[in-house]
N, C-alpha and C. Protein backbone atom coordinates (compact mmCIF):
# COMPACT_ATOMS: atom_id res chain seq x y z
N MET A 1 103.88 93.68 144.92
CA MET A 1 103.63 92.88 146.17
C MET A 1 102.31 93.50 146.79
N ILE A 2 101.63 92.63 147.30
CA ILE A 2 100.38 93.10 147.85
C ILE A 2 100.47 93.76 149.22
N ASN A 3 99.77 94.83 149.55
CA ASN A 3 99.87 95.54 150.90
C ASN A 3 99.13 94.67 151.63
N ARG A 4 99.78 93.78 152.59
CA ARG A 4 99.13 92.75 153.40
C ARG A 4 98.27 93.49 154.38
N LYS A 5 98.75 94.68 155.10
CA LYS A 5 98.11 95.34 155.99
C LYS A 5 96.64 95.78 155.55
N PHE A 6 96.74 96.32 154.49
CA PHE A 6 95.63 96.82 153.82
C PHE A 6 94.68 95.77 153.40
N PHE A 7 95.16 94.63 152.89
CA PHE A 7 94.33 93.67 152.53
C PHE A 7 93.61 93.11 153.61
N PHE A 8 94.10 92.75 154.78
CA PHE A 8 93.80 92.10 155.90
C PHE A 8 92.68 93.19 156.60
N ASP A 9 93.03 94.30 156.72
CA ASP A 9 92.21 95.36 157.30
C ASP A 9 90.92 95.47 156.55
N GLN A 10 90.88 95.47 155.07
CA GLN A 10 89.90 95.61 154.32
C GLN A 10 88.97 94.38 154.25
N THR A 11 89.72 93.26 154.28
CA THR A 11 88.82 92.01 154.04
C THR A 11 88.26 91.49 155.45
N ARG A 12 88.80 91.77 156.41
CA ARG A 12 88.21 91.49 157.78
C ARG A 12 86.76 92.46 157.72
N ILE A 13 86.77 93.64 157.44
CA ILE A 13 85.50 94.39 157.35
C ILE A 13 84.48 93.92 156.40
N THR A 14 84.91 93.82 155.12
CA THR A 14 83.85 93.67 154.16
C THR A 14 83.54 92.16 153.71
N LEU A 15 84.37 91.30 154.21
CA LEU A 15 84.23 89.85 154.00
C LEU A 15 84.24 88.87 155.16
N PHE A 16 84.59 89.39 156.24
CA PHE A 16 84.61 88.46 157.71
C PHE A 16 83.90 89.05 158.90
N GLY A 17 83.00 89.94 158.74
CA GLY A 17 82.16 90.64 159.55
C GLY A 17 82.88 91.30 161.03
N GLY A 18 84.35 91.76 160.31
CA GLY A 18 85.24 92.54 161.49
C GLY A 18 85.94 91.83 162.23
N LYS A 19 86.01 90.18 161.91
CA LYS A 19 86.75 89.42 162.88
C LYS A 19 87.26 88.33 162.03
N PHE A 20 88.59 88.09 162.22
CA PHE A 20 89.23 86.86 161.54
C PHE A 20 89.27 85.57 162.67
N THR A 21 89.40 84.26 162.39
CA THR A 21 90.00 83.38 163.16
C THR A 21 91.39 83.02 162.51
N THR A 22 92.21 82.41 163.46
CA THR A 22 93.50 82.19 163.07
C THR A 22 93.66 81.21 161.92
N ARG A 23 92.46 80.37 161.58
CA ARG A 23 92.82 79.56 160.37
C ARG A 23 92.26 80.29 159.14
N GLN A 24 91.45 81.20 159.27
CA GLN A 24 90.85 82.14 158.18
C GLN A 24 92.37 82.87 157.80
N VAL A 25 93.17 83.48 158.66
CA VAL A 25 94.21 84.09 158.15
C VAL A 25 95.22 83.27 157.46
N TYR A 26 95.57 82.00 158.44
CA TYR A 26 96.36 81.03 157.36
C TYR A 26 96.00 80.90 156.16
N GLY A 27 94.76 80.45 155.97
CA GLY A 27 94.26 80.02 154.51
C GLY A 27 94.73 81.31 153.60
N LEU A 28 94.06 82.47 153.97
CA LEU A 28 94.50 83.72 153.05
C LEU A 28 95.93 83.98 152.94
N THR A 29 96.69 83.59 153.81
CA THR A 29 98.05 83.97 153.75
C THR A 29 98.73 83.05 152.81
N THR A 30 98.31 81.72 152.80
CA THR A 30 98.97 80.63 151.99
C THR A 30 98.47 81.04 150.60
N ILE A 31 97.45 81.57 150.51
CA ILE A 31 96.96 81.72 148.93
C ILE A 31 97.82 82.80 148.57
N LEU A 32 97.86 84.15 149.39
CA LEU A 32 98.76 85.07 149.02
C LEU A 32 100.30 84.79 148.65
N ASP A 33 100.62 83.95 149.52
CA ASP A 33 102.16 83.51 149.35
C ASP A 33 102.42 82.84 148.09
N GLU A 34 101.25 81.93 147.61
CA GLU A 34 101.43 81.13 146.34
C GLU A 34 101.44 82.21 145.18
N TRP A 35 100.61 83.23 145.26
CA TRP A 35 100.47 84.26 144.18
C TRP A 35 101.73 84.75 144.13
N GLU A 36 102.08 85.40 145.19
CA GLU A 36 103.47 86.38 145.05
C GLU A 36 104.53 85.60 144.66
N ALA A 37 104.59 84.17 145.04
CA ALA A 37 105.91 83.40 144.71
C ALA A 37 105.81 82.90 143.07
N ASN A 38 104.52 82.54 142.65
CA ASN A 38 104.48 81.94 141.32
C ASN A 38 103.46 82.79 140.24
N TYR A 39 102.86 83.67 140.75
CA TYR A 39 101.85 84.00 139.66
C TYR A 39 101.63 85.58 139.52
N SER A 40 102.40 86.30 140.35
CA SER A 40 102.19 87.67 140.66
C SER A 40 102.32 88.69 139.20
N GLN A 41 102.76 87.82 138.10
CA GLN A 41 103.06 88.67 136.85
C GLN A 41 101.59 88.62 136.13
N ASN A 42 100.68 87.95 136.65
CA ASN A 42 99.29 87.61 135.98
C ASN A 42 98.53 88.88 136.32
N ASP A 43 97.17 88.82 135.83
CA ASP A 43 96.25 89.54 136.08
C ASP A 43 95.66 89.35 137.50
N ASP A 44 95.78 90.50 138.33
CA ASP A 44 95.19 90.56 139.66
C ASP A 44 93.93 90.18 139.71
N ARG A 45 93.21 90.30 138.86
CA ARG A 45 91.65 89.71 139.03
C ARG A 45 91.64 88.12 138.96
N TRP A 46 92.65 87.45 138.42
CA TRP A 46 92.66 86.19 138.79
C TRP A 46 92.78 85.75 140.29
N LEU A 47 93.52 86.33 140.91
CA LEU A 47 93.63 86.16 142.39
C LEU A 47 92.34 86.43 142.96
N ALA A 48 91.85 87.66 142.78
CA ALA A 48 90.63 88.16 143.34
C ALA A 48 89.65 86.82 143.06
N TYR A 49 89.37 86.47 141.87
CA TYR A 49 88.50 85.26 141.57
C TYR A 49 88.70 84.08 142.25
N MET A 50 90.01 83.54 142.30
CA MET A 50 90.27 82.58 143.21
C MET A 50 89.90 82.68 144.76
N LEU A 51 90.22 83.72 145.40
CA LEU A 51 89.85 84.15 146.72
C LEU A 51 88.42 84.01 146.73
N GLY A 52 87.66 84.74 146.02
CA GLY A 52 86.18 84.72 145.71
C GLY A 52 85.54 83.32 145.95
N THR A 53 86.05 82.55 145.06
CA THR A 53 85.78 80.99 144.84
C THR A 53 86.15 80.38 146.29
N THR A 54 87.24 80.35 146.73
CA THR A 54 87.44 79.72 147.87
C THR A 54 86.45 80.27 148.99
N HIS A 55 86.49 81.31 149.11
CA HIS A 55 85.23 81.95 150.11
C HIS A 55 84.02 81.31 150.06
N HIS A 56 83.51 81.03 148.59
CA HIS A 56 82.34 80.41 148.86
C HIS A 56 82.43 78.98 148.82
N GLU A 57 83.25 78.23 148.27
CA GLU A 57 83.41 76.83 148.36
C GLU A 57 83.70 76.37 149.69
N THR A 58 84.46 77.04 150.63
CA THR A 58 84.62 76.70 151.84
C THR A 58 83.66 77.22 152.91
N GLY A 59 82.87 77.75 152.59
CA GLY A 59 81.95 78.46 153.49
C GLY A 59 82.62 79.48 154.53
N ARG A 60 83.46 80.14 153.76
CA ARG A 60 84.38 81.28 154.32
C ARG A 60 85.31 80.94 155.32
N THR A 61 85.58 79.55 155.49
CA THR A 61 86.37 79.18 156.36
C THR A 61 88.01 79.32 156.05
N MET A 62 88.07 79.59 154.69
CA MET A 62 89.31 79.67 154.01
C MET A 62 90.38 78.39 154.46
N GLN A 63 89.52 77.34 154.73
CA GLN A 63 90.39 76.10 154.92
C GLN A 63 89.99 75.05 153.82
N PRO A 64 90.72 74.26 153.53
CA PRO A 64 90.33 72.95 152.62
C PRO A 64 89.14 72.30 153.33
N ILE A 65 87.89 71.77 152.75
CA ILE A 65 86.98 71.09 153.33
C ILE A 65 86.57 69.91 152.48
N GLU A 66 85.98 69.00 153.16
CA GLU A 66 85.29 67.97 152.44
C GLU A 66 83.91 68.33 151.81
N GLU A 67 83.34 67.85 150.78
CA GLU A 67 81.80 68.08 150.33
C GLU A 67 80.93 67.51 151.17
N TRP A 68 79.94 68.34 151.76
CA TRP A 68 78.91 68.06 152.31
C TRP A 68 78.24 66.76 151.66
N GLY A 69 77.96 65.59 152.27
CA GLY A 69 77.52 64.33 151.63
C GLY A 69 78.36 63.63 151.04
N LYS A 70 79.81 63.92 150.78
CA LYS A 70 80.64 63.31 150.29
C LYS A 70 80.35 62.50 149.18
N GLY A 71 79.57 63.18 148.03
CA GLY A 71 79.22 62.71 146.82
C GLY A 71 78.41 61.82 146.81
N ARG A 72 77.32 61.51 147.90
CA ARG A 72 76.25 60.61 147.90
C ARG A 72 75.24 60.78 146.90
N ASN A 73 74.79 59.91 146.19
CA ASN A 73 73.81 59.80 144.85
C ASN A 73 74.61 60.37 143.83
N LEU A 74 75.96 60.94 143.83
CA LEU A 74 76.24 61.48 142.58
C LEU A 74 77.64 60.25 141.74
N PRO A 75 77.62 60.28 140.57
CA PRO A 75 78.26 59.48 140.10
C PRO A 75 79.75 59.37 140.60
N TYR A 76 80.54 60.45 140.98
CA TYR A 76 81.76 60.52 141.54
C TYR A 76 81.91 59.86 143.11
N GLY A 77 80.59 59.80 143.60
CA GLY A 77 80.55 59.50 144.91
C GLY A 77 80.68 57.93 145.08
N SER A 78 80.70 57.08 144.04
CA SER A 78 80.96 55.68 143.69
C SER A 78 81.97 55.53 143.12
N ARG A 79 82.50 54.23 142.97
CA ARG A 79 83.83 54.03 142.12
C ARG A 79 83.69 54.06 140.63
N LEU A 80 83.34 55.14 140.18
CA LEU A 80 83.32 55.31 138.77
C LEU A 80 84.11 56.74 138.35
N LYS A 81 84.37 56.42 137.10
CA LYS A 81 85.27 57.44 136.48
C LYS A 81 84.39 58.39 135.91
N MET A 82 85.27 59.73 135.38
CA MET A 82 84.26 60.61 134.65
C MET A 82 84.16 60.09 133.39
N THR A 83 85.30 59.34 132.73
CA THR A 83 85.26 58.72 131.35
C THR A 83 84.14 57.77 131.16
N LYS A 84 83.47 57.84 129.88
CA LYS A 84 82.68 56.80 129.79
C LYS A 84 83.06 55.85 128.84
N ASP A 85 82.42 54.77 128.49
CA ASP A 85 82.73 53.78 127.64
C ASP A 85 82.06 54.12 126.10
N ARG A 86 82.19 53.39 125.18
CA ARG A 86 81.48 53.75 124.08
C ARG A 86 80.05 53.52 123.97
N ASN A 87 79.32 52.93 124.95
CA ASN A 87 77.91 52.93 125.15
C ASN A 87 77.53 54.04 126.05
N GLY A 88 78.42 54.87 126.57
CA GLY A 88 77.88 55.80 127.31
C GLY A 88 77.81 55.97 128.85
N LYS A 89 78.34 54.60 129.29
CA LYS A 89 78.25 54.40 130.65
C LYS A 89 79.65 54.70 131.47
N ARG A 90 79.52 55.19 132.43
CA ARG A 90 80.94 55.49 133.21
C ARG A 90 81.64 53.97 133.70
N ILE A 91 83.03 54.34 133.47
CA ILE A 91 83.99 53.45 133.58
C ILE A 91 84.26 53.06 134.76
N PRO A 92 83.86 52.08 135.42
CA PRO A 92 84.32 51.74 137.01
C PRO A 92 85.98 51.73 137.16
N TYR A 93 86.36 51.87 138.44
CA TYR A 93 87.97 51.80 138.56
C TYR A 93 87.89 50.75 139.87
N THR A 94 89.44 49.96 139.69
CA THR A 94 89.33 49.09 140.74
C THR A 94 90.79 49.05 141.41
N ASP A 95 91.50 50.24 140.70
CA ASP A 95 92.96 50.19 141.49
C ASP A 95 93.13 50.91 142.73
N THR A 96 91.92 51.45 143.22
CA THR A 96 92.11 52.04 144.80
C THR A 96 90.75 51.98 145.24
N THR A 97 90.85 52.06 146.53
CA THR A 97 89.44 51.88 147.34
C THR A 97 88.67 53.54 147.64
N GLU A 98 89.50 54.43 147.39
CA GLU A 98 89.10 55.77 147.64
C GLU A 98 88.00 56.15 146.90
N ILE A 99 87.51 57.09 147.40
CA ILE A 99 86.25 57.66 146.56
C ILE A 99 86.49 58.96 146.46
N PHE A 100 86.39 59.74 145.21
CA PHE A 100 86.78 61.01 144.79
C PHE A 100 85.79 62.19 144.82
N TYR A 101 85.05 62.33 146.04
CA TYR A 101 84.18 63.07 146.25
C TYR A 101 84.87 64.69 146.18
N GLY A 102 84.05 65.59 146.35
CA GLY A 102 84.74 66.97 146.53
C GLY A 102 85.60 67.46 147.78
N ARG A 103 86.77 67.81 147.58
CA ARG A 103 87.81 68.06 148.65
C ARG A 103 88.59 69.21 148.32
N GLY A 104 88.88 69.99 149.51
CA GLY A 104 89.90 71.02 149.10
C GLY A 104 89.39 72.63 148.98
N PHE A 105 89.97 73.54 148.43
CA PHE A 105 89.64 74.87 148.25
C PHE A 105 88.58 74.85 147.46
N VAL A 106 88.61 74.02 146.10
CA VAL A 106 87.61 74.19 144.97
C VAL A 106 86.76 72.91 144.96
N GLN A 107 86.82 72.13 145.84
CA GLN A 107 86.07 70.82 145.64
C GLN A 107 86.49 70.06 144.50
N LEU A 108 87.86 69.56 144.55
CA LEU A 108 88.19 68.56 143.50
C LEU A 108 87.48 67.32 143.74
N THR A 109 86.79 66.76 142.35
CA THR A 109 86.15 65.61 142.05
C THR A 109 86.44 64.70 141.15
N TRP A 110 86.09 63.57 141.06
CA TRP A 110 86.59 62.39 139.96
C TRP A 110 87.87 62.11 139.95
N TYR A 111 88.10 60.64 139.95
CA TYR A 111 89.36 59.86 139.75
C TYR A 111 90.28 60.73 138.78
N GLU A 112 89.77 61.20 137.91
CA GLU A 112 90.91 61.70 136.70
C GLU A 112 91.40 62.68 137.19
N ASN A 113 90.59 63.77 137.91
CA ASN A 113 91.15 65.10 138.42
C ASN A 113 92.16 64.83 139.57
N TYR A 114 92.05 63.65 140.45
CA TYR A 114 92.64 63.49 141.55
C TYR A 114 93.98 62.85 140.89
N ASP A 115 94.01 61.91 139.75
CA ASP A 115 95.15 61.51 139.17
C ASP A 115 96.14 62.68 138.57
N LYS A 116 95.17 63.50 138.03
CA LYS A 116 96.07 64.51 137.18
C LYS A 116 96.60 65.59 138.32
N ALA A 117 96.14 65.71 139.31
CA ALA A 117 96.51 66.77 140.48
C ALA A 117 97.94 65.91 140.91
N GLY A 118 97.63 64.66 141.12
CA GLY A 118 98.82 63.87 141.91
C GLY A 118 100.21 63.90 141.09
N LYS A 119 99.82 63.61 139.65
CA LYS A 119 100.92 63.70 138.73
C LYS A 119 101.59 65.09 138.66
N LYS A 120 100.68 66.26 138.66
CA LYS A 120 101.39 67.62 138.70
C LYS A 120 102.16 67.77 139.99
N LEU A 121 101.59 67.47 141.12
CA LEU A 121 102.21 67.71 142.39
C LEU A 121 103.39 66.79 142.78
N GLY A 122 103.40 65.52 142.04
CA GLY A 122 104.35 64.55 142.50
C GLY A 122 103.81 63.72 143.61
N LYS A 123 102.55 63.74 143.92
CA LYS A 123 102.02 63.05 145.12
C LYS A 123 100.95 61.76 144.50
N ASP A 124 100.47 60.92 145.50
CA ASP A 124 99.85 59.70 145.09
C ASP A 124 98.14 60.16 145.61
N PHE A 125 97.50 60.95 145.06
CA PHE A 125 96.13 61.22 145.52
C PHE A 125 95.19 60.04 145.21
N LEU A 126 95.59 59.06 144.21
CA LEU A 126 94.68 58.28 143.97
C LEU A 126 94.60 57.11 145.25
N HIS A 127 95.68 57.05 146.04
CA HIS A 127 95.62 56.22 147.08
C HIS A 127 95.44 56.94 148.35
N ASN A 128 95.91 58.23 148.20
CA ASN A 128 95.87 59.10 149.45
C ASN A 128 94.74 60.15 149.20
N ALA A 129 93.61 60.09 148.94
CA ALA A 129 92.99 61.20 148.47
C ALA A 129 92.61 62.14 149.50
N ALA A 130 92.76 61.92 150.80
CA ALA A 130 92.78 63.14 151.75
C ALA A 130 93.86 63.91 151.78
N ASP A 131 94.98 63.69 151.15
CA ASP A 131 96.05 64.58 151.14
C ASP A 131 96.01 65.77 150.21
N VAL A 132 94.83 65.77 149.52
CA VAL A 132 94.51 67.04 148.86
C VAL A 132 93.96 68.10 149.84
N MET A 133 93.52 67.70 150.97
CA MET A 133 93.05 68.41 151.78
C MET A 133 94.14 69.28 152.74
N LYS A 134 95.32 69.00 152.47
CA LYS A 134 96.65 69.72 153.05
C LYS A 134 96.42 70.96 152.44
N THR A 135 96.95 72.11 153.21
CA THR A 135 96.66 73.46 152.91
C THR A 135 97.49 73.67 151.56
N THR A 136 98.75 73.25 151.67
CA THR A 136 99.79 73.63 150.67
C THR A 136 99.28 72.88 149.32
N ASN A 137 98.89 71.74 149.44
CA ASN A 137 98.21 70.78 148.27
C ASN A 137 97.03 71.57 147.59
N ALA A 138 96.14 71.85 148.37
CA ALA A 138 94.76 72.43 148.14
C ALA A 138 95.06 73.67 147.22
N THR A 139 96.23 74.45 147.88
CA THR A 139 96.29 75.66 147.20
C THR A 139 96.78 75.40 145.72
N LYS A 140 97.83 74.60 145.70
CA LYS A 140 98.41 74.19 144.28
C LYS A 140 97.29 73.81 143.27
N ILE A 141 96.58 72.94 143.75
CA ILE A 141 95.49 72.35 143.02
C ILE A 141 94.62 73.54 142.57
N MET A 142 94.32 74.54 143.41
CA MET A 142 93.39 75.52 143.05
C MET A 142 94.08 76.45 141.73
N PHE A 143 95.26 76.62 142.07
CA PHE A 143 96.01 77.69 141.16
C PHE A 143 96.15 76.91 139.93
N TYR A 144 96.70 75.78 139.85
CA TYR A 144 97.02 75.04 138.43
C TYR A 144 95.62 74.88 137.89
N GLY A 145 94.68 74.25 139.05
CA GLY A 145 93.32 73.85 137.94
C GLY A 145 92.57 75.05 137.35
N MET A 146 92.50 76.23 137.96
CA MET A 146 91.88 77.41 137.59
C MET A 146 92.86 78.10 136.46
N THR A 147 93.94 77.94 136.48
CA THR A 147 94.83 78.69 135.44
C THR A 147 95.07 78.02 134.23
N GLU A 148 94.95 76.61 134.52
CA GLU A 148 95.13 75.39 133.33
C GLU A 148 93.88 75.15 132.92
N GLY A 149 92.48 75.08 133.48
CA GLY A 149 91.24 74.67 133.00
C GLY A 149 91.01 73.14 133.21
N TRP A 150 91.47 72.78 134.50
CA TRP A 150 91.53 71.38 134.79
C TRP A 150 90.01 70.96 134.92
N PHE A 151 89.23 71.71 135.52
CA PHE A 151 88.00 71.32 136.21
C PHE A 151 86.83 71.07 135.10
N THR A 152 86.71 72.13 134.25
CA THR A 152 85.81 72.15 133.31
C THR A 152 86.21 72.39 131.82
N GLY A 153 87.28 72.76 131.56
CA GLY A 153 88.05 73.15 130.41
C GLY A 153 88.07 74.61 130.44
N ALA A 154 87.41 75.36 131.42
CA ALA A 154 87.35 77.05 131.21
C ALA A 154 88.48 77.27 132.38
N LYS A 155 89.18 78.31 131.99
CA LYS A 155 90.07 78.78 132.76
C LYS A 155 90.31 80.29 132.99
N LEU A 156 90.95 80.86 133.84
CA LEU A 156 90.95 82.37 134.40
C LEU A 156 91.24 82.99 133.13
N SER A 157 92.10 82.80 132.22
CA SER A 157 92.62 83.75 131.35
C SER A 157 91.62 84.04 130.19
N SER A 158 90.54 83.07 130.12
CA SER A 158 89.39 83.41 129.33
C SER A 158 88.34 84.35 129.56
N PHE A 159 88.43 84.69 130.93
CA PHE A 159 87.45 85.68 131.44
C PHE A 159 88.15 86.89 132.04
N PHE A 160 89.39 86.81 132.29
CA PHE A 160 90.15 88.05 132.67
C PHE A 160 91.32 88.31 131.87
N ASN A 161 91.32 89.27 131.12
CA ASN A 161 92.44 89.52 129.95
C ASN A 161 92.38 90.94 129.82
N PRO A 162 93.40 91.67 129.05
CA PRO A 162 93.24 92.90 128.66
C PRO A 162 92.04 93.24 127.89
N THR A 163 91.29 92.70 127.32
CA THR A 163 90.04 92.93 126.58
C THR A 163 88.70 92.38 127.19
N THR A 164 89.02 91.54 128.34
CA THR A 164 87.64 90.83 128.74
C THR A 164 87.76 90.94 130.43
N GLU A 165 86.53 91.25 130.97
CA GLU A 165 86.25 91.27 132.17
C GLU A 165 84.99 90.75 132.65
N ASP A 166 84.86 89.34 132.98
CA ASP A 166 83.43 88.62 132.86
C ASP A 166 83.67 87.89 134.26
N TRP A 167 83.15 88.60 135.40
CA TRP A 167 82.95 87.85 136.55
C TRP A 167 81.77 86.97 136.73
N LYS A 168 80.78 87.04 135.85
CA LYS A 168 79.50 86.11 135.85
C LYS A 168 80.11 84.57 135.33
N ASN A 169 80.74 84.60 133.80
CA ASN A 169 80.73 83.46 133.28
C ASN A 169 82.07 82.74 133.72
N ALA A 170 82.99 83.74 134.50
CA ALA A 170 84.30 82.87 135.17
C ALA A 170 83.69 81.84 136.14
N ARG A 171 82.43 81.80 136.84
CA ARG A 171 81.99 80.85 137.54
C ARG A 171 82.16 79.33 136.73
N LYS A 172 82.30 79.55 135.33
CA LYS A 172 82.26 78.26 134.66
C LYS A 172 83.31 77.42 134.79
N ILE A 173 84.27 78.10 135.40
CA ILE A 173 85.72 77.39 135.71
C ILE A 173 85.40 76.37 136.59
N ILE A 174 84.38 76.40 137.62
CA ILE A 174 84.23 75.33 138.63
C ILE A 174 83.01 74.90 138.44
N ASN A 175 81.92 75.47 138.21
CA ASN A 175 80.71 74.83 138.44
C ASN A 175 79.60 75.67 137.64
N GLY A 176 79.35 75.56 136.59
CA GLY A 176 78.28 76.38 135.60
C GLY A 176 78.49 77.81 136.20
N LEU A 177 77.10 78.01 136.39
CA LEU A 177 76.65 79.57 136.60
C LEU A 177 76.30 79.38 138.04
N ASP A 178 76.49 78.19 138.75
CA ASP A 178 75.64 78.13 140.13
C ASP A 178 76.39 79.34 141.04
N LYS A 179 75.59 79.88 141.68
CA LYS A 179 75.77 81.02 142.68
C LYS A 179 76.87 82.01 142.07
N TRP A 180 76.74 82.25 140.88
CA TRP A 180 77.89 83.20 140.31
C TRP A 180 77.85 84.56 140.78
N ASP A 181 76.65 85.01 141.35
CA ASP A 181 76.42 86.40 141.76
C ASP A 181 77.09 86.36 143.23
N LEU A 182 76.93 85.36 143.95
CA LEU A 182 77.68 85.65 145.13
C LEU A 182 79.19 85.57 145.05
N VAL A 183 79.84 84.66 144.12
CA VAL A 183 81.10 84.35 144.04
C VAL A 183 81.60 85.87 143.51
N LYS A 184 80.97 86.36 142.60
CA LYS A 184 81.39 87.74 141.87
C LYS A 184 81.41 88.83 142.99
N ASP A 185 80.45 88.98 143.88
CA ASP A 185 80.37 89.62 145.08
C ASP A 185 81.57 89.53 145.76
N PHE A 186 82.09 88.29 146.18
CA PHE A 186 83.01 88.16 147.08
C PHE A 186 84.44 88.42 146.19
N ALA A 187 84.52 88.19 144.86
CA ALA A 187 85.72 88.25 144.33
C ALA A 187 85.87 89.74 144.05
N LEU A 188 85.07 90.45 143.96
CA LEU A 188 85.06 92.05 143.76
C LEU A 188 85.55 92.74 145.21
N LYS A 189 84.98 92.09 146.29
CA LYS A 189 85.48 92.75 147.49
C LYS A 189 87.00 92.43 147.82
N TYR A 190 87.44 91.26 147.19
CA TYR A 190 88.79 90.83 147.18
C TYR A 190 89.77 91.83 146.49
N TYR A 191 89.00 91.87 145.12
CA TYR A 191 89.79 92.65 144.27
C TYR A 191 90.00 94.14 144.88
N ALA A 192 89.10 94.73 145.38
CA ALA A 192 89.39 96.02 146.07
C ALA A 192 90.66 96.12 147.31
N ALA A 193 90.62 94.80 147.84
CA ALA A 193 91.61 94.77 148.87
C ALA A 193 93.03 94.40 148.29
N ILE A 194 92.93 94.01 147.27
CA ILE A 194 94.39 93.63 146.69
C ILE A 194 94.89 94.56 145.78
N SER A 195 94.15 95.63 145.38
CA SER A 195 94.51 96.84 144.45
C SER A 195 95.51 97.60 144.85
N HIS A 196 95.62 97.81 146.38
CA HIS A 196 96.90 98.48 147.04
C HIS A 196 98.16 97.82 147.09
N THR A 197 99.11 98.22 146.13
CA THR A 197 100.31 97.31 146.35
C THR A 197 101.51 98.23 147.29
N VAL A 198 102.39 97.37 147.75
CA VAL A 198 103.12 98.05 148.53
C VAL A 198 104.26 99.13 147.80
């Protein structure tokens, strides 16, 4: 079990400038609760990296957010699938009017990923895309996606295991090496805060 008092005392100072909002505490608590309920047998570095990722991807709000620009000028910002036809063109979809730009803790994008998340959680995100913004849904999507490799094929166990600790390349789970150094810094601070157990 994570020592919650130590965790919040530490992260308030090292990551939040000495002060939390109620929403930040709620977001952090939801993520810790999911970890302890379903994942705590795994490597604590996984949790630290998920927290660091959330910290970065949500602009430290620790709340599910919508992508700035809502996918404007990007293929997933129009009614196109990630899947391409044999000529290399993205396949359009017509079964929903939703646009699958980034939403949530990890900025879930693309028709196929919303479909996968919906099937996993027993929800219809293809017709209710905004539901991925609900904190409980966003939390589960982040945990499933990062542990199972939904987003890019890369997953936490490839970068954090008994023989590997790769805070740089773990960024490939979400977004290439974009801002990897920032995410690493956040994740290491979270790791220091969760290393004290009850």
